[in-house]
Every structure is written in C-alpha cells, then in structure tokens.
Amino acid sequence: MIESLRRRLRTARRRAVALERRRSDDARHWLAETSNLTHASVLVFVPLLIGFVTLLSNELQLVSFLLFPPLASGTYTLFAHPEGTYANPWKFVGGLSLGAFCGWVAIEFTALLVAPTGGGAVLWEVHAWAAALAIFLTGALTWVFDLEEPSAFSTALLVLLTDPGRFLDVAGIAVSTSVVYVVTVALSTSIIAVVFVVWRHEFYERRARYLYSTTQADDHVLVPVHDDVGAQAAMFGARLAAAHDAGKVVLLDVVDDAAIAAAERRLLDEAGDVDLGTGNPDVGDDADIHELAERSAADEAAAELERRAAHIETRVGVPCEVVVAVESDLSAAGLLDVARDANCDLIAPPLEREADGTPARLVRDLFRSDVDTVAFDAKHDRTDWKRVMVPVRRTGPIAHAMVDYAERLAGRAGTVSVCTCIGDERSRRDAESMLADLTETTNARCETRVSRATLGEFLARNESHYDLVILGEPTRSARPDTPAPFERSRDLDTDVAVVHTR
C-alpha cells in the first residue's frame, strides 16, 4: 500500500516537472518572437517607470501627475521600438527637455508682450500666441540640434498649464513652477533613459543568450557514423561544435549482427575451420566464438572511429570522442541514450532515406524527440561551408537556431544569406522588419533577401551560389510523416541541413 502510494507520488511529481518544463519552453518560444518580447517589455517597464517617476514627484511635491503624459508615450516608444528612429536615449532626454524649455520661453516671452488674462492653470487661460510660439520653437530647435522627438511637442504645450506667477520653495529658494517643470522633465527622462540603456544593452541586444538555447548550448555534438555513411556528417558536426570554446564531437558507430557475423566468419577462417558445429578447441565453443567476434568487431569499429576522430581534430581543432555500441540495429532510442550518457545536446545524423525517398525511420524518430537535431544531406564532397542560405517564414526559436548554425558554419570569413518569400509588395516592409529582427542578434557577415517568387522557385534559381541550404522543421504538432523540408532537400543539388529544435 505504502509502496503503491510512493509510486503514484513519484509519477505525479514527474508529470508536474514535465508540465512545468513544457510551460517554460512555451514561454521561451513565445518570447523568442521579437515583437512579443518588446510588447512584454512595454507591459513591464512602462508602468513601473511611470509609477516610479510619479511616486518620486509626489514625494517631492514638485509637479502634478497630469504633467507626465509625454513620459508615458516617450517611454513606450523606447521599449516598443528599441531599434527604431526614436529609440535614442539622447533624443529622448534632449527632445523632451528642450520641448519643456521652449514652452517656458514661450510663457516668459508672451508675458512680456501680452497682458495676463487671469491666474490659475486652466486650459482656456493659456494664450494662443504662447502655444503657437512653443510649438514653433520646439520644431525649429529640435530640428537644428537633431533632437526630433514627437513627445517634445507635448512637453512644450503642457508647461503652458503651469502658473508662472506661482513659486515653490526649493531648498529655501523660490522657483517658478514653470522652471521646476522643465528641470523635473529633464531628471525624469534621464532616469527612464538610464533604465532603457541598461535593458537594451544587457538584455535586448543579448537576448539570443537568454532566449535562443542553441547559441549557448548545442556544442556537444553526437554524430552516428557507420561505414562510409556519415563521414561528411561528422565533419559537419565538428564545424558546428568548433564554434564554441567548450565544443566537442562524439562519433558513434554501432556493431550490429551483420558486423559480428562477418567477424565470426573471419575468426573461423583464421582458425582453419569454417564448420560452426565442430567445436575446434583452438577457437572454443559457439558462445566463445560469438564473444570473440563481438569484441573483434567492436575493436575494428573503434579503430576506424579513432582514425576519423584524429582527422577531425587535425582539420577542425575540436576535441573528439568515440563510442561503439553493440546493438542489433541503430535506433533513435539507443542514440538518445548515448547522447544522454555522453552529455550531448545536439545530434547530427546523416539524412538517410528509404527506397521511396522518404526519410529513414531513425531520422523521423529523432525529429519527434526532445533533443535538438540537424540532419545533414550531403550532395557533394565539401567539408567546409562558407556560403550559407537560410530561408525562413517567420521569427521564432527554429529560425534563430537556423541562423545560429549558419553563423557557426560560415565563421568570420563566410557569409550568411537570410531569405524569405512574399506574395505581394504590401508584405515587403513586414518581411524586411522580420529579417532584421533575425539578423541583428548575429555577428556573422549577414545579408537579407526578400523575393516575390515562391520558395521552390527561389531555391532553384539561387542554390548554386551557396555551399549549404539550412531548412527548418515544423513543430511537432504540425509535423506530417514526410515534412516539406525533407521533400525540398531531396530536390536540391547543394548540401542541405534540416533543423529540429525541442
């Protein structure tokens, strides 16, 4: 009874942990969309900053909360479009402060020329000439000093609501409320600008480190290699791993029944007896023969892997390990077990196919797993890929992973071309913005291309100019038996890598 209860509790705990991990992954994938990240930042930082500035103003009893709407709109502009024209902290502080200063100048100048019509800060008591002059000065000076900021016009008008005849006691000095407003706007915008600069530099510009797991992980690469199949995949995996200082490659070969049978026949031939039933004392009984054959086949596979590992270490400079497993057949479950034992977070199998052209079962099963996988389809004898094309449809974890892998392969000397296809010209601006979001997190020499052609037509016309095309795998929920990337890779004449992320 107690043991049964413990099993249920362990099962419930595992399910809770899996559910929490799934929710965390879903949240990370959602934030991987740059538009979602900026909207989330707006919802967090704009209310907090405006609330803090308002609280500070109330504590100091200097300026009414009603005078802070420009801060809210300006702060929204900063965080919602951190790479936009107005996402400049100097323009934000200088523009709003200069606007407030122009409004104060307009108040003082108008007071000299026009007799006051009354006191109090009521909207209809603001003189029309003061409003016009404030806007004119703001437009002219922000243009001259290159501090054009839409919210500057708001501060220029709102300062007109202050009563120039009213004074506040600031450290024993009587200061006009209009002057206090100008100074407070400068201080408030400076606080917001400092927070924005820290957020943009420490988080937004480095969001790949926190949100896109492949940029910090996927540096321990497992490559299944058997016979001549996988030799180029091994070099491909080594190039991916070498981009990180902690990278390593694990080469795996499986000694199956056919290899053991071949080794067994060779042992019997060497002993001068090909009859399995004679029980030659020089060889031993059938069990001993099988054990010796298994060991011999494993040693041969290990020696071949060591030779390949030495070649990779010499060519690429990345540490290599070898693993030989004895199984009846190479399966995804066995491969995943080896990946966990060897602490590998990326599997790079060769993209093998069935007789009908569909991906082999091993590849299909790996693409249904929770381990990042890059299936490599070698069409040429290349071992270096410096010109890489990355066709994408939208931003997200898979798209960022594709760009990250392309950057690793291309290196500093290569080029990465991130492309997308649109149906009409109305979609071009959104497509260019999407590609900019993808490429601004990479240090590679990157170009972006937007084409009106279909993806098939675009690839057919341009694939010959590239060493590698990286295609993305759909999400598991939308994955058919033979997804489109595998179909496209079969039709291309250049090397292809198909990416799956967990």
Protein backbone atom coordinates (compact mmCIF):
# COMPACT_ATOMS: atom_id res chain seq x y z
CA MET A 1 0.00 0.00 0.00
CA ILE A 2 2.74 2.43 1.02
CA GLU A 3 4.91 1.44 -1.96
CA SER A 4 1.97 1.98 -4.31
CA LEU A 5 1.40 5.42 -2.84
CA ARG A 6 5.08 6.29 -3.30
CA ARG A 7 4.96 5.24 -6.95
CA ARG A 8 1.93 7.43 -7.51
CA LEU A 9 3.64 10.36 -5.84
CA ARG A 10 6.76 9.88 -7.98
CA THR A 11 4.61 9.67 -11.10
CA ALA A 12 2.71 12.82 -10.13
CA ARG A 13 5.99 14.62 -9.43
CA ARG A 14 7.43 13.64 -12.82
CA ARG A 15 4.28 14.81 -14.57
CA ALA A 16 4.36 18.12 -12.69
CA VAL A 17 8.03 18.65 -13.60
CA ALA A 18 7.33 17.78 -17.25
CA LEU A 19 4.35 20.15 -17.33
CA GLU A 20 6.40 22.95 -15.78
CA ARG A 21 9.22 22.36 -18.28
CA ARG A 22 6.74 22.40 -21.15
CA ARG A 23 5.23 25.67 -19.96
CA SER A 24 8.69 27.17 -19.56
CA ASP A 25 9.61 26.11 -23.09
CA ASP A 26 6.34 27.51 -24.43
CA ALA A 27 7.01 30.83 -22.70
CA ARG A 28 10.57 30.93 -24.06
CA HIS A 29 9.33 30.15 -27.57
CA TRP A 30 6.71 32.90 -27.29
CA LEU A 31 9.31 35.42 -26.14
CA ALA A 32 11.59 34.36 -28.98
CA GLU A 33 9.33 36.39 -31.25
CA THR A 34 10.91 39.86 -31.12
CA SER A 35 7.51 41.57 -31.32
CA ASN A 36 6.29 39.56 -28.32
CA LEU A 37 9.45 40.40 -26.39
CA THR A 38 9.07 44.14 -26.97
CA HIS A 39 5.37 44.06 -26.09
CA ALA A 40 6.13 42.18 -22.88
CA SER A 41 8.84 44.73 -22.05
CA VAL A 42 6.37 47.56 -22.63
CA LEU A 43 3.87 45.95 -20.26
CA VAL A 44 6.54 45.57 -17.58
CA PHE A 45 8.78 48.62 -17.82
CA VAL A 46 6.45 51.43 -18.91
CA PRO A 47 4.02 51.08 -15.94
CA LEU A 48 6.87 50.56 -13.46
CA LEU A 49 8.90 53.53 -14.67
CA ILE A 50 5.97 55.91 -14.89
CA GLY A 51 4.77 54.76 -11.47
CA PHE A 52 8.24 55.31 -10.01
CA VAL A 53 8.60 58.78 -11.53
CA THR A 54 5.11 59.71 -10.34
CA LEU A 55 5.86 58.46 -6.83
CA LEU A 56 9.08 60.47 -6.80
CA SER A 57 7.23 63.57 -7.96
CA ASN A 58 4.55 63.14 -5.32
CA GLU A 59 7.11 62.70 -2.57
CA LEU A 60 8.95 65.84 -3.64
CA GLN A 61 5.64 67.67 -4.25
CA LEU A 62 7.01 69.46 -7.28
CA VAL A 63 4.88 68.68 -10.33
CA SER A 64 1.39 67.24 -10.79
CA PHE A 65 0.98 63.77 -12.29
CA LEU A 66 -1.05 65.34 -15.09
CA LEU A 67 2.17 66.77 -16.49
CA PHE A 68 3.69 63.34 -17.19
CA PRO A 69 1.76 62.00 -20.22
CA PRO A 70 4.72 62.75 -22.55
CA LEU A 71 6.87 60.49 -20.41
CA ALA A 72 4.43 57.62 -20.88
CA SER A 73 4.30 57.98 -24.67
CA GLY A 74 8.06 58.53 -24.96
CA THR A 75 8.84 55.54 -22.74
CA TYR A 76 6.52 53.38 -24.83
CA THR A 77 8.35 54.47 -27.99
CA LEU A 78 11.70 53.49 -26.45
CA PHE A 79 10.75 49.99 -25.34
CA ALA A 80 8.32 49.13 -28.15
CA HIS A 81 10.79 50.01 -30.92
CA PRO A 82 14.29 49.67 -29.39
CA GLU A 83 15.91 49.76 -32.83
CA GLY A 84 13.67 52.49 -34.24
CA THR A 85 14.43 56.06 -35.22
CA TYR A 86 13.31 57.49 -31.89
CA ALA A 87 14.90 54.79 -29.69
CA ASN A 88 17.78 57.07 -28.85
CA PRO A 89 18.23 57.98 -25.17
CA TRP A 90 19.88 61.28 -26.06
CA LYS A 91 16.99 62.27 -28.32
CA PHE A 92 14.52 61.15 -25.67
CA VAL A 93 16.07 63.21 -22.86
CA GLY A 94 17.13 66.13 -25.03
CA GLY A 95 13.91 66.30 -27.04
CA LEU A 96 11.51 66.29 -24.10
CA SER A 97 13.70 68.64 -22.06
CA LEU A 98 14.14 71.03 -24.99
CA GLY A 99 10.39 70.97 -25.60
CA ALA A 100 9.71 71.90 -21.99
CA PHE A 101 12.35 74.65 -22.19
CA CYS A 102 10.73 76.07 -25.35
CA GLY A 103 7.36 76.11 -23.60
CA TRP A 104 8.87 78.04 -20.68
CA VAL A 105 10.49 80.53 -23.09
CA ALA A 106 7.12 80.98 -24.80
CA ILE A 107 5.47 81.72 -21.43
CA GLU A 108 8.05 84.31 -20.49
CA PHE A 109 8.09 85.97 -23.91
CA THR A 110 4.32 86.13 -24.14
CA ALA A 111 4.12 87.58 -20.62
CA LEU A 112 6.29 90.47 -21.76
CA LEU A 113 4.13 91.28 -24.79
CA VAL A 114 0.62 90.35 -23.75
CA ALA A 115 -1.19 91.41 -20.60
CA PRO A 116 -2.23 88.41 -18.46
CA THR A 117 -5.94 87.47 -18.59
CA GLY A 118 -6.12 85.67 -15.28
CA GLY A 119 -4.40 83.27 -12.94
CA GLY A 120 -4.54 79.56 -12.45
CA ALA A 121 -3.57 76.66 -14.65
CA VAL A 122 -6.75 76.27 -16.68
CA LEU A 123 -6.56 75.22 -20.29
CA TRP A 124 -8.62 78.01 -21.75
CA GLU A 125 -6.48 80.66 -19.98
CA VAL A 126 -3.41 79.62 -22.00
CA HIS A 127 -2.72 82.31 -24.56
CA ALA A 128 -2.86 81.20 -28.20
CA TRP A 129 0.34 83.07 -29.04
CA ALA A 130 2.19 81.17 -26.30
CA ALA A 131 1.03 77.82 -27.66
CA ALA A 132 1.98 78.71 -31.23
CA LEU A 133 5.39 80.06 -30.19
CA ALA A 134 6.11 76.98 -28.04
CA ILE A 135 5.40 74.63 -30.92
CA PHE A 136 7.40 76.75 -33.39
CA LEU A 137 10.44 76.92 -31.14
CA THR A 138 10.25 73.21 -30.37
CA GLY A 139 10.05 72.25 -34.03
CA ALA A 140 12.89 74.59 -35.01
CA LEU A 141 15.31 73.79 -32.19
CA THR A 142 14.79 70.01 -32.18
CA TRP A 143 15.44 70.10 -35.93
CA VAL A 144 18.60 72.18 -35.56
CA PHE A 145 20.01 70.04 -32.73
CA ASP A 146 18.82 66.75 -34.29
CA LEU A 147 16.65 66.00 -31.26
CA GLU A 148 13.38 65.45 -33.09
CA GLU A 149 11.07 63.62 -30.70
CA PRO A 150 7.25 63.53 -31.04
CA SER A 151 6.74 63.80 -27.28
CA ALA A 152 8.72 67.06 -27.21
CA PHE A 153 5.68 68.89 -28.53
CA SER A 154 3.64 67.55 -25.62
CA THR A 155 6.05 68.88 -23.01
CA ALA A 156 6.15 72.20 -24.84
CA LEU A 157 2.36 72.54 -24.50
CA LEU A 158 1.96 71.07 -21.04
CA VAL A 159 4.38 73.54 -19.50
CA LEU A 160 1.91 76.23 -20.54
CA LEU A 161 -0.53 74.80 -17.99
CA THR A 162 1.76 75.82 -15.14
CA ASP A 163 1.19 79.18 -13.48
CA PRO A 164 4.30 81.35 -13.98
CA GLY A 165 3.15 83.54 -11.11
CA ARG A 166 3.26 80.65 -8.66
CA PHE A 167 6.50 79.82 -6.89
CA LEU A 168 7.68 76.77 -5.00
CA ASP A 169 10.15 76.69 -2.15
CA VAL A 170 13.05 74.53 -3.30
CA ALA A 171 15.86 74.32 -0.73
CA GLY A 172 14.89 77.75 0.59
CA ILE A 173 14.79 79.32 -2.89
CA ALA A 174 11.56 80.50 -4.55
CA VAL A 175 11.42 78.90 -8.00
CA SER A 176 8.67 79.32 -10.60
CA THR A 177 6.57 76.19 -11.25
CA SER A 178 7.41 76.51 -14.94
CA VAL A 179 11.14 76.23 -14.21
CA VAL A 180 10.52 73.35 -11.82
CA TYR A 181 8.59 71.59 -14.58
CA VAL A 182 11.49 71.92 -17.04
CA VAL A 183 14.01 70.59 -14.52
CA THR A 184 11.72 67.75 -13.45
CA VAL A 185 11.17 66.65 -17.04
CA ALA A 186 14.95 66.55 -17.57
CA LEU A 187 15.51 64.49 -14.42
CA SER A 188 12.59 62.11 -15.08
CA THR A 189 13.61 61.43 -18.67
CA SER A 190 17.19 60.83 -17.55
CA ILE A 191 16.04 58.13 -15.10
CA ILE A 192 13.98 56.42 -17.78
CA ALA A 193 16.81 56.69 -20.34
CA VAL A 194 19.30 55.03 -17.96
CA VAL A 195 16.93 52.09 -17.38
CA PHE A 196 16.33 51.78 -21.12
CA VAL A 197 20.05 51.78 -21.95
CA VAL A 198 20.73 49.07 -19.36
CA TRP A 199 17.78 46.97 -20.61
CA ARG A 200 18.76 47.30 -24.25
CA HIS A 201 22.47 46.60 -23.74
CA GLU A 202 22.26 43.87 -21.10
CA PHE A 203 19.13 42.05 -22.25
CA TYR A 204 17.63 43.04 -25.61
CA GLU A 205 20.86 43.05 -27.60
CA ARG A 206 21.93 39.84 -25.85
CA ARG A 207 18.54 38.13 -25.98
CA ALA A 208 19.98 35.28 -28.02
CA ARG A 209 21.95 34.25 -24.93
CA TYR A 210 18.83 34.03 -22.77
CA LEU A 211 16.07 33.02 -25.20
CA TYR A 212 17.66 31.02 -28.00
CA SER A 213 19.14 27.93 -26.36
CA THR A 214 21.28 26.92 -29.34
CA THR A 215 23.52 30.00 -29.03
CA GLN A 216 24.88 28.84 -25.67
CA ALA A 217 24.25 25.10 -25.97
CA ASP A 218 24.34 22.56 -28.80
CA ASP A 219 28.13 22.48 -28.59
CA HIS A 220 28.43 18.79 -27.67
CA VAL A 221 27.51 17.10 -30.93
CA LEU A 222 26.78 13.40 -31.38
CA VAL A 223 27.25 12.06 -34.91
CA PRO A 224 26.26 8.48 -35.81
CA VAL A 225 28.81 7.11 -38.27
CA HIS A 226 28.86 3.68 -39.90
CA ASP A 227 30.73 2.51 -42.99
CA ASP A 228 31.20 5.48 -45.33
CA VAL A 229 27.82 6.92 -44.38
CA GLY A 230 28.18 9.86 -42.02
CA ALA A 231 31.78 10.80 -42.81
CA GLN A 232 30.72 14.25 -44.04
CA ALA A 233 28.10 14.49 -41.31
CA ALA A 234 30.93 14.02 -38.81
CA MET A 235 32.83 16.94 -40.34
CA PHE A 236 29.60 18.95 -40.41
CA GLY A 237 29.00 18.27 -36.72
CA ALA A 238 32.60 19.16 -35.95
CA ARG A 239 32.22 22.55 -37.64
CA LEU A 240 29.11 23.23 -35.53
CA ALA A 241 30.86 22.25 -32.30
CA ALA A 242 34.08 24.12 -33.06
CA ALA A 243 32.29 27.47 -32.97
CA HIS A 244 32.06 27.21 -29.16
CA ASP A 245 35.06 27.05 -26.87
CA ALA A 246 33.54 24.14 -24.94
CA GLY A 247 32.59 22.22 -28.07
CA LYS A 248 33.27 18.56 -28.64
CA VAL A 249 32.23 15.85 -31.09
CA VAL A 250 31.23 12.32 -30.16
CA LEU A 251 31.43 9.82 -33.02
CA LEU A 252 29.17 6.79 -32.62
CA ASP A 253 29.29 3.52 -34.52
CA VAL A 254 27.02 0.55 -33.92
CA VAL A 255 28.29 -3.00 -34.20
CA ASP A 256 25.25 -4.83 -35.50
CA ASP A 257 24.55 -8.52 -36.11
CA ALA A 258 25.96 -8.38 -39.65
CA ALA A 259 29.30 -7.00 -38.43
CA ILE A 260 29.51 -9.61 -35.68
CA ALA A 261 28.71 -12.41 -38.15
CA ALA A 262 31.43 -11.17 -40.50
CA ALA A 263 33.95 -11.08 -37.65
CA GLU A 264 32.89 -14.57 -36.59
CA ARG A 265 33.47 -15.97 -40.06
CA ARG A 266 36.86 -14.29 -40.19
CA LEU A 267 37.88 -15.83 -36.85
CA LEU A 268 36.85 -19.27 -38.00
CA ASP A 269 38.71 -18.83 -41.28
CA GLU A 270 41.83 -17.80 -39.40
CA ALA A 271 41.49 -20.92 -37.21
CA GLY A 272 41.18 -23.11 -40.30
CA ASP A 273 37.64 -24.28 -39.54
CA VAL A 274 34.52 -22.98 -41.23
CA ASP A 275 32.17 -25.53 -39.67
CA LEU A 276 30.38 -23.93 -36.75
CA GLY A 277 29.48 -27.25 -35.24
CA THR A 278 32.94 -28.88 -34.91
CA GLY A 279 33.88 -27.13 -31.69
CA ASN A 280 37.53 -26.65 -32.64
CA PRO A 281 39.49 -26.35 -29.36
CA ASP A 282 41.67 -23.60 -30.83
CA VAL A 283 38.59 -21.46 -31.23
CA GLY A 284 36.29 -22.61 -28.45
CA ASP A 285 32.56 -23.28 -28.36
CA ASP A 286 29.91 -21.17 -30.11
CA ALA A 287 29.48 -18.80 -27.14
CA ASP A 288 33.20 -18.09 -27.03
CA ILE A 289 33.31 -17.57 -30.77
CA HIS A 290 30.43 -15.09 -30.61
CA GLU A 291 32.05 -13.16 -27.75
CA LEU A 292 35.41 -13.02 -29.54
CA ALA A 293 33.72 -11.93 -32.76
CA GLU A 294 31.78 -9.22 -30.95
CA ARG A 295 34.94 -7.92 -29.33
CA SER A 296 36.85 -8.05 -32.61
CA ALA A 297 34.13 -6.17 -34.49
CA ALA A 298 33.97 -3.54 -31.75
CA ASP A 299 37.75 -3.10 -31.82
CA GLU A 300 37.73 -2.65 -35.58
CA ALA A 301 34.92 -0.10 -35.38
CA ALA A 302 36.72 1.77 -32.59
CA ALA A 303 39.97 1.85 -34.57
CA GLU A 304 38.18 3.28 -37.59
CA LEU A 305 36.44 5.89 -35.44
CA GLU A 306 39.74 6.83 -33.80
CA ARG A 307 41.24 7.40 -37.23
CA ARG A 308 38.35 9.66 -38.20
CA ALA A 309 38.48 11.44 -34.86
CA ALA A 310 42.18 12.18 -35.32
CA HIS A 311 41.48 13.55 -38.80
CA ILE A 312 38.72 15.82 -37.45
CA GLU A 313 40.87 17.07 -34.57
CA THR A 314 43.64 17.91 -37.01
CA ARG A 315 41.40 19.62 -39.56
CA VAL A 316 38.94 21.42 -37.28
CA GLY A 317 40.71 21.58 -33.92
CA VAL A 318 37.78 20.34 -31.85
CA PRO A 319 38.09 17.51 -29.29
CA CYS A 320 36.66 14.18 -30.43
CA GLU A 321 35.45 11.17 -28.51
CA VAL A 322 34.41 7.78 -29.89
CA VAL A 323 31.68 5.45 -28.71
CA VAL A 324 30.99 1.95 -30.02
CA ALA A 325 27.66 0.36 -29.18
CA VAL A 326 26.70 -3.26 -29.76
CA GLU A 327 23.10 -3.37 -30.95
CA SER A 328 21.11 -5.30 -33.48
CA ASP A 329 20.31 -2.03 -35.25
CA LEU A 330 20.83 1.69 -34.78
CA SER A 331 17.64 3.09 -33.26
CA ALA A 332 16.58 6.55 -32.12
CA ALA A 333 16.07 5.31 -28.55
CA GLY A 334 19.59 3.90 -28.41
CA LEU A 335 21.00 7.07 -29.97
CA LEU A 336 19.23 9.25 -27.41
CA ASP A 337 20.58 7.07 -24.58
CA VAL A 338 24.12 7.53 -25.91
CA ALA A 339 23.53 11.29 -26.21
CA ARG A 340 22.49 11.49 -22.57
CA ASP A 341 25.38 9.33 -21.38
CA ALA A 342 27.90 11.36 -23.39
CA ASN A 343 26.32 14.68 -22.30
CA CYS A 344 25.49 15.66 -25.89
CA ASP A 345 22.82 18.28 -26.57
CA LEU A 346 22.80 18.10 -30.38
CA ILE A 347 22.58 15.12 -32.74
CA ALA A 348 23.78 15.49 -36.33
CA PRO A 349 22.83 12.33 -38.24
CA PRO A 350 23.23 11.89 -41.99
CA LEU A 351 19.88 12.30 -43.72
CA GLU A 352 19.36 8.77 -44.95
CA ARG A 353 16.27 7.84 -46.95
CA GLU A 354 14.12 4.83 -47.58
CA ALA A 355 13.76 3.28 -51.04
CA ASP A 356 10.75 5.52 -51.76
CA GLY A 357 12.72 8.68 -50.93
CA THR A 358 11.17 9.34 -47.54
CA PRO A 359 13.46 9.97 -44.56
CA ALA A 360 14.68 6.86 -42.75
CA ARG A 361 12.86 5.89 -39.59
CA LEU A 362 15.85 6.89 -37.44
CA VAL A 363 15.70 10.46 -38.72
CA ARG A 364 11.91 10.66 -38.35
CA ASP A 365 12.10 9.43 -34.76
CA LEU A 366 14.87 11.88 -33.86
CA PHE A 367 12.77 14.73 -35.22
CA ARG A 368 9.99 13.67 -32.86
CA SER A 369 12.30 13.67 -29.83
CA ASP A 370 13.10 16.39 -27.32
CA VAL A 371 16.76 16.69 -28.40
CA ASP A 372 17.94 19.25 -30.96
CA THR A 373 18.73 17.54 -34.25
CA VAL A 374 20.31 18.70 -37.50
CA ALA A 375 20.03 16.11 -40.28
CA PHE A 376 22.72 16.62 -42.89
CA ASP A 377 22.07 15.70 -46.52
CA ALA A 378 25.44 15.65 -48.33
CA LYS A 379 25.24 16.19 -52.08
CA HIS A 380 28.94 17.00 -52.61
CA ASP A 381 32.31 16.22 -51.04
CA ARG A 382 32.58 19.52 -49.19
CA THR A 383 33.97 19.63 -45.67
CA ASP A 384 33.70 23.42 -45.29
CA TRP A 385 30.62 25.59 -45.80
CA LYS A 386 31.29 29.32 -46.14
CA ARG A 387 28.24 30.46 -48.13
CA VAL A 388 25.07 29.51 -46.31
CA MET A 389 21.46 30.27 -47.24
CA VAL A 390 18.75 30.30 -44.56
CA PRO A 391 15.17 30.53 -45.93
CA VAL A 392 12.69 31.46 -43.18
CA ARG A 393 8.99 32.23 -42.96
CA ARG A 394 8.80 33.90 -39.54
CA THR A 395 10.84 34.56 -36.43
CA GLY A 396 10.96 32.04 -33.64
CA PRO A 397 13.27 29.52 -31.95
CA ILE A 398 13.74 27.42 -35.09
CA ALA A 399 14.55 30.44 -37.26
CA HIS A 400 17.05 31.75 -34.72
CA ALA A 401 18.60 28.28 -34.40
CA MET A 402 18.98 28.11 -38.19
CA VAL A 403 20.73 31.49 -38.26
CA ASP A 404 22.94 30.45 -35.33
CA TYR A 405 24.03 27.23 -37.06
CA ALA A 406 24.68 29.18 -40.26
CA GLU A 407 26.86 31.64 -38.35
CA ARG A 408 28.85 28.79 -36.82
CA LEU A 409 29.49 27.18 -40.19
CA ALA A 410 30.26 30.35 -42.12
CA GLY A 411 32.57 31.76 -39.47
CA ARG A 412 34.16 35.17 -39.81
CA ALA A 413 35.23 34.69 -43.42
CA GLY A 414 31.91 33.34 -44.73
CA THR A 415 28.55 34.93 -45.48
CA VAL A 416 25.04 34.08 -44.35
CA SER A 417 22.05 34.97 -46.51
CA VAL A 418 18.73 35.02 -44.63
CA CYS A 419 15.86 34.98 -47.10
CA THR A 420 12.08 34.98 -47.18
CA CYS A 421 9.44 34.92 -49.89
CA ILE A 422 6.34 37.11 -50.07
CA GLY A 423 3.18 37.04 -52.14
CA ASP A 424 2.81 40.77 -52.83
CA GLU A 425 4.63 44.06 -52.32
CA ARG A 426 2.42 45.03 -49.36
CA SER A 427 4.18 42.39 -47.31
CA ARG A 428 7.70 43.55 -48.14
CA ARG A 429 8.13 46.00 -45.26
CA ASP A 430 6.96 43.49 -42.67
CA ALA A 431 9.23 40.85 -44.21
CA GLU A 432 12.25 43.16 -44.09
CA SER A 433 11.50 44.01 -40.46
CA MET A 434 11.23 40.31 -39.63
CA LEU A 435 14.58 39.55 -41.27
CA ALA A 436 16.17 42.48 -39.42
CA ASP A 437 14.95 41.02 -36.12
CA LEU A 438 16.56 37.71 -37.00
CA THR A 439 19.91 39.02 -38.15
CA GLU A 440 20.57 41.74 -35.57
CA THR A 441 21.46 39.09 -32.95
CA THR A 442 24.20 37.53 -35.07
CA ASN A 443 27.83 38.58 -35.55
CA ALA A 444 28.16 36.91 -38.93
CA ARG A 445 28.54 38.75 -42.22
CA CYS A 446 24.86 38.70 -43.00
CA GLU A 447 22.64 39.77 -45.87
CA THR A 448 18.86 39.67 -46.13
CA ARG A 449 16.82 38.97 -49.24
CA VAL A 450 13.09 39.30 -49.89
CA SER A 451 11.75 37.66 -53.04
CA ARG A 452 8.37 37.73 -54.76
CA ALA A 453 8.95 34.19 -56.08
CA THR A 454 7.78 31.02 -54.38
CA LEU A 455 10.30 29.30 -52.14
CA GLY A 456 10.78 26.46 -54.63
CA GLU A 457 11.48 28.88 -57.47
CA PHE A 458 13.80 30.97 -55.31
CA LEU A 459 15.82 27.93 -54.21
CA ALA A 460 16.06 26.57 -57.75
CA ARG A 461 17.43 29.88 -59.05
CA ASN A 462 19.89 30.56 -56.23
CA GLU A 463 21.04 27.27 -54.69
CA SER A 464 24.07 27.00 -56.97
CA HIS A 465 25.52 30.16 -55.38
CA TYR A 466 25.65 28.57 -51.91
CA ASP A 467 27.52 25.72 -50.25
CA LEU A 468 24.67 24.85 -47.91
CA VAL A 469 20.96 25.49 -47.51
CA ILE A 470 19.54 25.25 -43.99
CA LEU A 471 15.85 24.36 -43.79
CA GLY A 472 13.64 24.43 -40.69
CA GLU A 473 11.48 21.61 -39.43
CA PRO A 474 7.85 22.38 -38.44
CA THR A 475 6.66 22.00 -34.87
CA ARG A 476 5.89 18.51 -33.65
CA SER A 477 2.14 19.19 -33.51
CA ALA A 478 2.09 20.10 -37.21
CA ARG A 479 4.59 17.50 -38.38
CA PRO A 480 3.44 15.09 -41.13
CA ASP A 481 5.20 11.82 -41.90
CA THR A 482 7.28 13.44 -44.65
CA PRO A 483 7.56 17.18 -43.87
CA ALA A 484 8.18 19.77 -46.57
CA PRO A 485 11.85 20.41 -45.63
CA PHE A 486 12.71 16.76 -46.36
CA GLU A 487 10.88 16.98 -49.68
CA ARG A 488 12.75 20.14 -50.62
CA SER A 489 16.13 18.73 -49.57
CA ARG A 490 15.64 15.82 -51.97
CA ASP A 491 15.11 18.23 -54.89
CA LEU A 492 18.13 20.45 -54.18
CA ASP A 493 21.57 19.83 -55.70
CA THR A 494 23.55 21.57 -52.96
CA ASP A 495 24.20 20.33 -49.43
CA VAL A 496 21.19 20.65 -47.13
CA ALA A 497 20.74 20.66 -43.36
CA VAL A 498 17.26 20.22 -41.83
CA VAL A 499 16.95 21.66 -38.31
CA HIS A 500 14.72 20.47 -35.48
CA THR A 501 14.70 22.16 -32.06
CA ARG A 502 12.93 20.97 -28.95
